C-alpha cells in the first residue's frame, strides 16, 4: 500500500526537518533538563512546609483543586500541591519559549539566504506558505512538549515514591497538561511569525530577543493569564476549553492579518 502526502505536508516536513537540524537536539536536551528538574523539585523542594496552615484563604490550601498531594500520614503538603498544580503552566511556558526561538531561525535563514524570494515567486499562496512555517514550529514544539512531559512524569513518579507522597489527580489536571502547552504553542508560534514577517528587522540580533516586544506578546498569556486558570476549582474544564477556543480564534485572525499585511518588498529589502 502506498501513501501520499500533500504539498502542504511536504512543506511542513521540509521546514520542520531544517528546524530540527538547526535547534533540535538543543531543544530536546532543554526539555529533558526542565522536565527532570520539575519532577524532582516538586516533591523535594520543601514539600513538608506548612507555613500557610494559618491562612485558609490562600490558594495553596485548596484541597479540592485539580491536584492534591499528601504525605504518608495523610497530611496535606500545600507547597508540593501548589508546585504540581503549576506544572502545566510551566510546561506551557517552555513550549511557548521554544516556539519563539524556532520560527525566527527558520524564517531568518530563508530571508538572508534568498530562499523566501524563490518561494514567493512560485505559485504557493502566501497564507499556505506561512501556515507551513507555523506547522514546522508546532512540530518542533510538540517534540519538546512530549519529551518534557514524559521526563517529568517519570521523575515525578519515582520521586513521589521515594518521599512516600500520595498524589490525587483530577480530569482537569490531565486536560490542562494537554490544552495549556498546545494553546501556548499555537499562540506563541503565530505571534512570532507575525513579527518575523511583518517586522523582519526584528530578526536582527541587534534588535534584542528577536524583536523584544513581539516575544513579550507571545509569552504574556503563559506568564500572566494561564496560571490563574488552574485555580478555578469546578470551573477549570470550562476555562481550559475557553483558553483553547480563544487561542485558536486569535491565532487564525492574526494569521489572516499577517497574510493580508505582508509585503514582499518589506522582507526582501531587509
C-alpha atoms as a PDB file:
ATOM      1  CA  UNK A   1       0.000   0.000   0.000  1.00  0.00           C
ATOM      2  CA  UNK A   2       1.371   3.395  -0.944  1.00  0.00           C
ATOM      3  CA  UNK A   3       0.832   6.602   0.922  1.00  0.00           C
ATOM      4  CA  UNK A   4       0.912  10.084  -0.491  1.00  0.00           C
ATOM      5  CA  UNK A   5       1.483  13.423   1.159  1.00  0.00           C
ATOM      6  CA  UNK A   6       0.007  16.738   0.157  1.00  0.00           C
ATOM      7  CA  UNK A   7       2.199  19.668  -0.921  1.00  0.00           C
ATOM      8  CA  UNK A   8       1.380  21.373   2.387  1.00  0.00           C
ATOM      9  CA  UNK A   9       2.554  18.356   4.364  1.00  0.00           C
ATOM     10  CA  UNK A  10       5.762  18.202   2.347  1.00  0.00           C
ATOM     11  CA  UNK A  11       6.473  21.868   3.002  1.00  0.00           C
ATOM     12  CA  UNK A  12       5.814  21.458   6.726  1.00  0.00           C
ATOM     13  CA  UNK A  13       8.084  18.409   6.863  1.00  0.00           C
ATOM     14  CA  UNK A  14      10.823  20.227   4.966  1.00  0.00           C
ATOM     15  CA  UNK A  15      10.722  23.250   7.260  1.00  0.00           C
ATOM     16  CA  UNK A  16      10.469  21.021  10.346  1.00  0.00           C
ATOM     17  CA  UNK A  17      13.470  18.964   9.214  1.00  0.00           C
ATOM     18  CA  UNK A  18      15.536  22.122   8.831  1.00  0.00           C
ATOM     19  CA  UNK A  19      14.398  23.422  12.219  1.00  0.00           C
ATOM     20  CA  UNK A  20      15.434  20.089  13.731  1.00  0.00           C
ATOM     21  CA  UNK A  21      18.891  20.319  12.164  1.00  0.00           C
ATOM     22  CA  UNK A  22      19.238  23.869  13.469  1.00  0.00           C
ATOM     23  CA  UNK A  23      17.937  23.513  17.008  1.00  0.00           C
ATOM     24  CA  UNK A  24      16.547  20.022  17.512  1.00  0.00           C
ATOM     25  CA  UNK A  25      18.994  18.437  19.929  1.00  0.00           C
ATOM     26  CA  UNK A  26      19.418  21.630  21.917  1.00  0.00           C
ATOM     27  CA  UNK A  27      15.648  21.933  22.342  1.00  0.00           C
ATOM     28  CA  UNK A  28      15.300  18.273  23.341  1.00  0.00           C
ATOM     29  CA  UNK A  29      18.056  18.496  25.948  1.00  0.00           C
ATOM     30  CA  UNK A  30      16.420  21.642  27.309  1.00  0.00           C
ATOM     31  CA  UNK A  31      13.140  19.737  27.572  1.00  0.00           C
ATOM     32  CA  UNK A  32      14.854  16.832  29.351  1.00  0.00           C
ATOM     33  CA  UNK A  33      16.503  19.145  31.872  1.00  0.00           C
ATOM     34  CA  UNK A  34      13.331  21.153  32.536  1.00  0.00           C
ATOM     35  CA  UNK A  35      11.175  18.031  32.855  1.00  0.00           C
ATOM     36  CA  UNK A  36      13.612  16.297  35.196  1.00  0.00           C
ATOM     37  CA  UNK A  37      14.083  19.414  37.315  1.00  0.00           C
ATOM     38  CA  UNK A  38      10.332  19.924  37.650  1.00  0.00           C
ATOM     39  CA  UNK A  39       9.714  16.288  38.512  1.00  0.00           C
ATOM     40  CA  UNK A  40      12.324  16.320  41.268  1.00  0.00           C
ATOM     41  CA  UNK A  41      11.821  19.802  42.708  1.00  0.00           C
ATOM     42  CA  UNK A  42       8.053  19.453  43.026  1.00  0.00           C
ATOM     43  CA  UNK A  43       8.472  16.706  45.627  1.00  0.00           C
ATOM     44  CA  UNK A  44      11.887  17.552  47.078  1.00  0.00           C
ATOM     45  CA  UNK A  45      11.559  21.332  47.321  1.00  0.00           C
ATOM     46  CA  UNK A  46      10.374  21.791  50.893  1.00  0.00           C
ATOM     47  CA  UNK A  47       7.346  19.583  50.391  1.00  0.00           C
ATOM     48  CA  UNK A  48       6.690  19.429  54.134  1.00  0.00           C
ATOM     49  CA  UNK A  49       6.390  23.191  54.529  1.00  0.00           C
ATOM     50  CA  UNK A  50       3.171  24.129  56.345  1.00  0.00           C
ATOM     51  CA  UNK A  51       3.788  27.850  56.668  1.00  0.00           C
ATOM     52  CA  UNK A  52       0.407  28.559  55.102  1.00  0.00           C
ATOM     53  CA  UNK A  53      -1.580  26.431  57.547  1.00  0.00           C
ATOM     54  CA  UNK A  54      -2.940  29.516  59.308  1.00  0.00           C
ATOM     55  CA  UNK A  55      -4.068  31.148  56.076  1.00  0.00           C
ATOM     56  CA  UNK A  56      -7.010  29.004  54.897  1.00  0.00           C
ATOM     57  CA  UNK A  57      -7.973  31.585  52.320  1.00  0.00           C
ATOM     58  CA  UNK A  58      -4.704  31.052  50.476  1.00  0.00           C
ATOM     59  CA  UNK A  59      -4.940  29.178  47.230  1.00  0.00           C
ATOM     60  CA  UNK A  60      -2.277  26.788  48.449  1.00  0.00           C
ATOM     61  CA  UNK A  61      -4.747  25.150  50.803  1.00  0.00           C
ATOM     62  CA  UNK A  62      -7.411  24.382  48.229  1.00  0.00           C
ATOM     63  CA  UNK A  63      -7.793  20.640  48.769  1.00  0.00           C
ATOM     64  CA  UNK A  64     -10.492  20.433  46.096  1.00  0.00           C
ATOM     65  CA  UNK A  65      -8.257  21.729  43.310  1.00  0.00           C
ATOM     66  CA  UNK A  66      -7.138  19.812  40.240  1.00  0.00           C
ATOM     67  CA  UNK A  67      -4.402  18.033  42.201  1.00  0.00           C
ATOM     68  CA  UNK A  68      -3.705  17.251  45.866  1.00  0.00           C
ATOM     69  CA  UNK A  69      -0.522  15.880  47.433  1.00  0.00           C
ATOM     70  CA  UNK A  70      -0.365  14.330  50.913  1.00  0.00           C
ATOM     71  CA  UNK A  71       2.416  12.732  52.937  1.00  0.00           C
ATOM     72  CA  UNK A  72       2.406   9.153  54.211  1.00  0.00           C
ATOM     73  CA  UNK A  73       0.462  10.293  57.296  1.00  0.00           C
ATOM     74  CA  UNK A  74      -2.319  11.800  55.193  1.00  0.00           C
ATOM     75  CA  UNK A  75      -1.394  15.436  55.877  1.00  0.00           C
ATOM     76  CA  UNK A  76      -1.754  17.946  53.060  1.00  0.00           C
ATOM     77  CA  UNK A  77       1.515  19.199  51.540  1.00  0.00           C
ATOM     78  CA  UNK A  78       0.475  22.694  50.413  1.00  0.00           C
ATOM     79  CA  UNK A  79       3.728  23.745  48.740  1.00  0.00           C
ATOM     80  CA  UNK A  80       4.041  20.498  46.818  1.00  0.00           C
ATOM     81  CA  UNK A  81       0.380  20.732  45.804  1.00  0.00           C
ATOM     82  CA  UNK A  82       0.936  24.272  44.560  1.00  0.00           C
ATOM     83  CA  UNK A  83       4.047  23.382  42.567  1.00  0.00           C
ATOM     84  CA  UNK A  84       2.380  20.366  40.986  1.00  0.00           C
ATOM     85  CA  UNK A  85      -0.681  22.453  40.138  1.00  0.00           C
ATOM     86  CA  UNK A  86       1.526  24.976  38.332  1.00  0.00           C
ATOM     87  CA  UNK A  87       3.338  22.339  36.268  1.00  0.00           C
ATOM     88  CA  UNK A  88       1.001  22.536  33.216  1.00  0.00           C
ATOM     89  CA  UNK A  89       1.563  26.301  33.083  1.00  0.00           C
ATOM     90  CA  UNK A  90       5.333  25.831  33.396  1.00  0.00           C
ATOM     91  CA  UNK A  91       5.335  23.267  30.582  1.00  0.00           C
ATOM     92  CA  UNK A  92       3.216  25.660  28.527  1.00  0.00           C
ATOM     93  CA  UNK A  93       5.777  28.402  29.102  1.00  0.00           C
ATOM     94  CA  UNK A  94       8.558  26.085  27.945  1.00  0.00           C
ATOM     95  CA  UNK A  95       6.639  25.287  24.759  1.00  0.00           C
ATOM     96  CA  UNK A  96       5.989  28.996  24.172  1.00  0.00           C
ATOM     97  CA  UNK A  97       9.679  29.823  24.555  1.00  0.00           C
ATOM     98  CA  UNK A  98      10.703  27.081  22.113  1.00  0.00           C
ATOM     99  CA  UNK A  99       8.163  28.374  19.577  1.00  0.00           C
ATOM    100  CA  UNK A 100       9.571  31.907  19.821  1.00  0.00           C
ATOM    101  CA  UNK A 101      13.084  30.545  19.247  1.00  0.00           C
ATOM    102  CA  UNK A 102      12.336  28.121  16.403  1.00  0.00           C
ATOM    103  CA  UNK A 103      10.369  30.278  13.981  1.00  0.00           C
ATOM    104  CA  UNK A 104      12.750  33.258  13.785  1.00  0.00           C
ATOM    105  CA  UNK A 105      15.642  30.925  12.971  1.00  0.00           C
ATOM    106  CA  UNK A 106      13.842  29.235  10.083  1.00  0.00           C
ATOM    107  CA  UNK A 107      12.388  32.446   8.638  1.00  0.00           C
ATOM    108  CA  UNK A 108      15.636  34.387   9.069  1.00  0.00           C
ATOM    109  CA  UNK A 109      17.555  31.743   7.111  1.00  0.00           C
ATOM    110  CA  UNK A 110      15.091  31.999   4.232  1.00  0.00           C
ATOM    111  CA  UNK A 111      15.305  35.792   4.257  1.00  0.00           C
ATOM    112  CA  UNK A 112      19.091  36.041   4.485  1.00  0.00           C
ATOM    113  CA  UNK A 113      19.695  33.140   2.086  1.00  0.00           C
ATOM    114  CA  UNK A 114      17.184  34.267  -0.519  1.00  0.00           C
ATOM    115  CA  UNK A 115      15.025  31.173  -0.152  1.00  0.00           C
ATOM    116  CA  UNK A 116      11.882  33.146   0.608  1.00  0.00           C
ATOM    117  CA  UNK A 117      12.325  35.076  -2.649  1.00  0.00           C
ATOM    118  CA  UNK A 118      12.105  31.814  -4.588  1.00  0.00           C
ATOM    119  CA  UNK A 119       9.087  30.666  -2.580  1.00  0.00           C
ATOM    120  CA  UNK A 120       7.265  33.962  -3.064  1.00  0.00           C
ATOM    121  CA  UNK A 121       7.938  33.840  -6.807  1.00  0.00           C
ATOM    122  CA  UNK A 122       6.255  30.432  -7.055  1.00  0.00           C
ATOM    123  CA  UNK A 123       2.554  29.558  -7.226  1.00  0.00           C
ATOM    124  CA  UNK A 124       2.233  28.884  -3.479  1.00  0.00           C
ATOM    125  CA  UNK A 125      -0.321  31.204  -1.839  1.00  0.00           C
ATOM    126  CA  UNK A 126       1.389  33.195   0.874  1.00  0.00           C
ATOM    127  CA  UNK A 127      -1.072  32.068   3.535  1.00  0.00           C
ATOM    128  CA  UNK A 128      -0.228  28.408   2.837  1.00  0.00           C
ATOM    129  CA  UNK A 129       3.452  29.244   2.961  1.00  0.00           C
ATOM    130  CA  UNK A 130       3.048  30.978   6.306  1.00  0.00           C
ATOM    131  CA  UNK A 131       0.967  28.073   7.603  1.00  0.00           C
ATOM    132  CA  UNK A 132       3.800  25.708   6.645  1.00  0.00           C
ATOM    133  CA  UNK A 133       6.250  27.795   8.684  1.00  0.00           C
ATOM    134  CA  UNK A 134       3.861  27.683  11.632  1.00  0.00           C
ATOM    135  CA  UNK A 135       3.308  23.942  11.228  1.00  0.00           C
ATOM    136  CA  UNK A 136       7.043  23.309  11.329  1.00  0.00           C
ATOM    137  CA  UNK A 137       7.390  25.306  14.549  1.00  0.00           C
ATOM    138  CA  UNK A 138       4.477  23.438  16.113  1.00  0.00           C
ATOM    139  CA  UNK A 139       6.009  20.094  15.129  1.00  0.00           C
ATOM    140  CA  UNK A 140       9.225  21.066  16.897  1.00  0.00           C
ATOM    141  CA  UNK A 141       7.415  22.330  19.976  1.00  0.00           C
ATOM    142  CA  UNK A 142       5.330  19.136  20.083  1.00  0.00           C
ATOM    143  CA  UNK A 143       8.534  17.091  20.326  1.00  0.00           C
ATOM    144  CA  UNK A 144       9.772  19.350  23.131  1.00  0.00           C
ATOM    145  CA  UNK A 145       6.445  19.199  24.974  1.00  0.00           C
ATOM    146  CA  UNK A 146       6.162  15.403  24.773  1.00  0.00           C
ATOM    147  CA  UNK A 147       9.775  14.990  25.857  1.00  0.00           C
ATOM    148  CA  UNK A 148       9.433  17.352  28.809  1.00  0.00           C
ATOM    149  CA  UNK A 149       6.121  15.833  29.912  1.00  0.00           C
ATOM    150  CA  UNK A 150       7.419  12.273  29.621  1.00  0.00           C
ATOM    151  CA  UNK A 151      10.579  13.012  31.595  1.00  0.00           C
ATOM    152  CA  UNK A 152       8.609  14.997  34.174  1.00  0.00           C
ATOM    153  CA  UNK A 153       6.120  12.155  34.651  1.00  0.00           C
ATOM    154  CA  UNK A 154       8.836   9.512  35.056  1.00  0.00           C
ATOM    155  CA  UNK A 155      10.926  11.551  37.501  1.00  0.00           C
ATOM    156  CA  UNK A 156       7.846  12.679  39.448  1.00  0.00           C
ATOM    157  CA  UNK A 157       6.594   9.108  39.927  1.00  0.00           C
ATOM    158  CA  UNK A 158       9.998   7.934  41.155  1.00  0.00           C
ATOM    159  CA  UNK A 159      10.493  10.939  43.455  1.00  0.00           C
ATOM    160  CA  UNK A 160       6.970  10.672  44.894  1.00  0.00           C
ATOM    161  CA  UNK A 161       7.624   7.017  45.701  1.00  0.00           C
ATOM    162  CA  UNK A 162      10.906   7.885  47.409  1.00  0.00           C
ATOM    163  CA  UNK A 163       9.349  10.533  49.662  1.00  0.00           C
ATOM    164  CA  UNK A 164       6.181   8.429  50.129  1.00  0.00           C
ATOM    165  CA  UNK A 165       3.829  11.107  48.891  1.00  0.00           C
ATOM    166  CA  UNK A 166       0.356  10.256  47.609  1.00  0.00           C
ATOM    167  CA  UNK A 167      -0.967  12.262  44.672  1.00  0.00           C
ATOM    168  CA  UNK A 168      -4.620  12.692  43.706  1.00  0.00           C
ATOM    169  CA  UNK A 169      -5.121  13.904  40.149  1.00  0.00           C
ATOM    170  CA  UNK A 170      -8.346  15.101  38.564  1.00  0.00           C
ATOM    171  CA  UNK A 171      -9.538  15.002  34.987  1.00  0.00           C
ATOM    172  CA  UNK A 172      -8.901  18.735  34.798  1.00  0.00           C
ATOM    173  CA  UNK A 173      -5.216  18.211  35.515  1.00  0.00           C
ATOM    174  CA  UNK A 174      -4.819  15.768  32.639  1.00  0.00           C
ATOM    175  CA  UNK A 175      -6.679  18.129  30.314  1.00  0.00           C
ATOM    176  CA  UNK A 176      -4.514  21.044  31.463  1.00  0.00           C
ATOM    177  CA  UNK A 177      -1.336  19.111  30.637  1.00  0.00           C
ATOM    178  CA  UNK A 178      -2.546  18.906  27.032  1.00  0.00           C
ATOM    179  CA  UNK A 179      -4.513  22.110  26.480  1.00  0.00           C
ATOM    180  CA  UNK A 180      -2.162  24.671  28.020  1.00  0.00           C
ATOM    181  CA  UNK A 181       1.040  23.662  26.146  1.00  0.00           C
ATOM    182  CA  UNK A 182      -0.981  23.243  22.929  1.00  0.00           C
ATOM    183  CA  UNK A 183      -2.601  26.667  23.292  1.00  0.00           C
ATOM    184  CA  UNK A 184       0.655  28.387  24.171  1.00  0.00           C
ATOM    185  CA  UNK A 185       2.495  26.711  21.311  1.00  0.00           C
ATOM    186  CA  UNK A 186      -0.116  27.817  18.769  1.00  0.00           C
ATOM    187  CA  UNK A 187      -0.345  31.382  20.051  1.00  0.00           C
ATOM    188  CA  UNK A 188       3.395  31.911  20.545  1.00  0.00           C
ATOM    189  CA  UNK A 189       4.183  30.470  17.129  1.00  0.00           C
ATOM    190  CA  UNK A 190       1.577  32.642  15.395  1.00  0.00           C
ATOM    191  CA  UNK A 191       2.615  35.811  17.228  1.00  0.00           C
ATOM    192  CA  UNK A 192       6.293  35.183  16.459  1.00  0.00           C
ATOM    193  CA  UNK A 193       5.539  34.506  12.781  1.00  0.00           C
ATOM    194  CA  UNK A 194       3.584  37.762  12.668  1.00  0.00           C
ATOM    195  CA  UNK A 195       6.615  39.640  13.959  1.00  0.00           C
ATOM    196  CA  UNK A 196       9.054  37.794  11.700  1.00  0.00           C
ATOM    197  CA  UNK A 197       7.110  38.555   8.501  1.00  0.00           C
ATOM    198  CA  UNK A 198       5.650  41.992   9.161  1.00  0.00           C
ATOM    199  CA  UNK A 199       8.626  43.323  11.127  1.00  0.00           C
ATOM    200  CA  UNK A 200      11.588  41.447   9.561  1.00  0.00           C
ATOM    201  CA  UNK A 201      14.231  43.748  11.024  1.00  0.00           C
ATOM    202  CA  UNK A 202      13.206  42.451  14.413  1.00  0.00           C
ATOM    203  CA  UNK A 203      15.040  39.245  13.452  1.00  0.00           C
ATOM    204  CA  UNK A 204      18.382  41.034  13.564  1.00  0.00           C
ATOM    205  CA  UNK A 205      20.426  40.282  16.656  1.00  0.00           C
ATOM    206  CA  UNK A 206      20.793  43.989  17.340  1.00  0.00           C
ATOM    207  CA  UNK A 207      17.033  44.172  17.881  1.00  0.00           C
ATOM    208  CA  UNK A 208      17.396  42.086  21.022  1.00  0.00           C
ATOM    209  CA  UNK A 209      15.466  38.904  21.826  1.00  0.00           C
ATOM    210  CA  UNK A 210      14.381  38.504  18.193  1.00  0.00           C
ATOM    211  CA  UNK A 211      12.213  41.590  18.381  1.00  0.00           C
ATOM    212  CA  UNK A 212      11.647  42.103  22.101  1.00  0.00           C
ATOM    213  CA  UNK A 213       8.028  43.336  22.129  1.00  0.00           C
ATOM    214  CA  UNK A 214       6.863  40.529  19.845  1.00  0.00           C
ATOM    215  CA  UNK A 215       8.316  37.914  22.148  1.00  0.00           C
ATOM    216  CA  UNK A 216       6.672  39.623  25.106  1.00  0.00           C
ATOM    217  CA  UNK A 217       3.290  39.432  23.349  1.00  0.00           C
ATOM    218  CA  UNK A 218       3.938  35.769  22.520  1.00  0.00           C
ATOM    219  CA  UNK A 219       4.791  34.843  26.119  1.00  0.00           C
ATOM    220  CA  UNK A 220       2.433  37.143  28.036  1.00  0.00           C
ATOM    221  CA  UNK A 221      -0.538  34.715  28.233  1.00  0.00           C
ATOM    222  CA  UNK A 222       1.699  31.955  29.607  1.00  0.00           C
ATOM    223  CA  UNK A 223       3.124  34.283  32.240  1.00  0.00           C
ATOM    224  CA  UNK A 224       0.006  36.180  33.311  1.00  0.00           C
ATOM    225  CA  UNK A 225      -3.329  34.680  32.246  1.00  0.00           C
ATOM    226  CA  UNK A 226      -2.754  30.922  32.069  1.00  0.00           C
ATOM    227  CA  UNK A 227      -1.598  30.261  35.684  1.00  0.00           C
ATOM    228  CA  UNK A 228      -4.818  31.722  37.107  1.00  0.00           C
ATOM    229  CA  UNK A 229      -6.925  29.242  35.106  1.00  0.00           C
ATOM    230  CA  UNK A 230      -5.543  26.371  37.167  1.00  0.00           C
ATOM    231  CA  UNK A 231      -7.130  27.649  40.391  1.00  0.00           C
ATOM    232  CA  UNK A 232     -10.747  27.976  39.270  1.00  0.00           C
ATOM    233  CA  UNK A 233     -11.826  24.762  41.006  1.00  0.00           C
ATOM    234  CA  UNK A 234     -15.024  23.466  39.382  1.00  0.00           C
ATOM    235  CA  UNK A 235     -14.606  25.925  36.503  1.00  0.00           C
ATOM    236  CA  UNK A 236     -11.257  24.533  35.379  1.00  0.00           C
ATOM    237  CA  UNK A 237     -12.583  22.480  32.464  1.00  0.00           C
ATOM    238  CA  UNK A 238     -14.773  25.287  31.026  1.00  0.00           C
ATOM    239  CA  UNK A 239     -11.880  27.716  31.469  1.00  0.00           C
ATOM    240  CA  UNK A 240      -9.479  25.378  29.653  1.00  0.00           C
ATOM    241  CA  UNK A 241     -11.978  24.996  26.814  1.00  0.00           C
ATOM    242  CA  UNK A 242     -12.290  28.781  26.631  1.00  0.00           C
ATOM    243  CA  UNK A 243      -8.493  29.160  26.553  1.00  0.00           C
ATOM    244  CA  UNK A 244      -8.219  26.739  23.630  1.00  0.00           C
ATOM    245  CA  UNK A 245     -11.067  28.324  21.657  1.00  0.00           C
ATOM    246  CA  UNK A 246      -9.827  31.887  22.207  1.00  0.00           C
ATOM    247  CA  UNK A 247      -6.281  30.851  21.300  1.00  0.00           C
ATOM    248  CA  UNK A 248      -7.395  29.220  18.060  1.00  0.00           C
ATOM    249  CA  UNK A 249      -9.598  32.163  17.050  1.00  0.00           C
ATOM    250  CA  UNK A 250      -6.935  34.742  17.920  1.00  0.00           C
ATOM    251  CA  UNK A 251      -4.264  32.779  16.052  1.00  0.00           C
ATOM    252  CA  UNK A 252      -6.460  32.396  12.951  1.00  0.00           C
ATOM    253  CA  UNK A 253      -7.222  36.116  12.991  1.00  0.00           C
ATOM    254  CA  UNK A 254      -3.547  37.002  13.404  1.00  0.00           C
ATOM    255  CA  UNK A 255      -2.567  34.633  10.593  1.00  0.00           C
ATOM    256  CA  UNK A 256      -5.163  36.235   8.323  1.00  0.00           C
ATOM    257  CA  UNK A 257      -3.874  39.695   9.248  1.00  0.00           C
ATOM    258  CA  UNK A 258      -0.300  38.596   8.574  1.00  0.00           C
ATOM    259  CA  UNK A 259      -1.206  37.239   5.124  1.00  0.00           C
ATOM    260  CA  UNK A 260      -3.048  40.433   4.191  1.00  0.00           C
ATOM    261  CA  UNK A 261      -0.487  42.824   5.610  1.00  0.00           C
ATOM    262  CA  UNK A 262       2.566  41.029   4.247  1.00  0.00           C
ATOM    263  CA  UNK A 263       4.522  42.811   1.517  1.00  0.00           C
ATOM    264  CA  UNK A 264       7.274  41.006  -0.389  1.00  0.00           C
ATOM    265  CA  UNK A 265       9.377  44.148  -0.740  1.00  0.00           C
ATOM    266  CA  UNK A 266       9.360  44.622   3.016  1.00  0.00           C
ATOM    267  CA  UNK A 267      11.042  41.276   3.544  1.00  0.00           C
ATOM    268  CA  UNK A 268      13.299  41.197   0.508  1.00  0.00           C
ATOM    269  CA  UNK A 269      14.716  44.636   1.301  1.00  0.00           C
ATOM    270  CA  UNK A 270      15.517  43.751   4.921  1.00  0.00           C
END
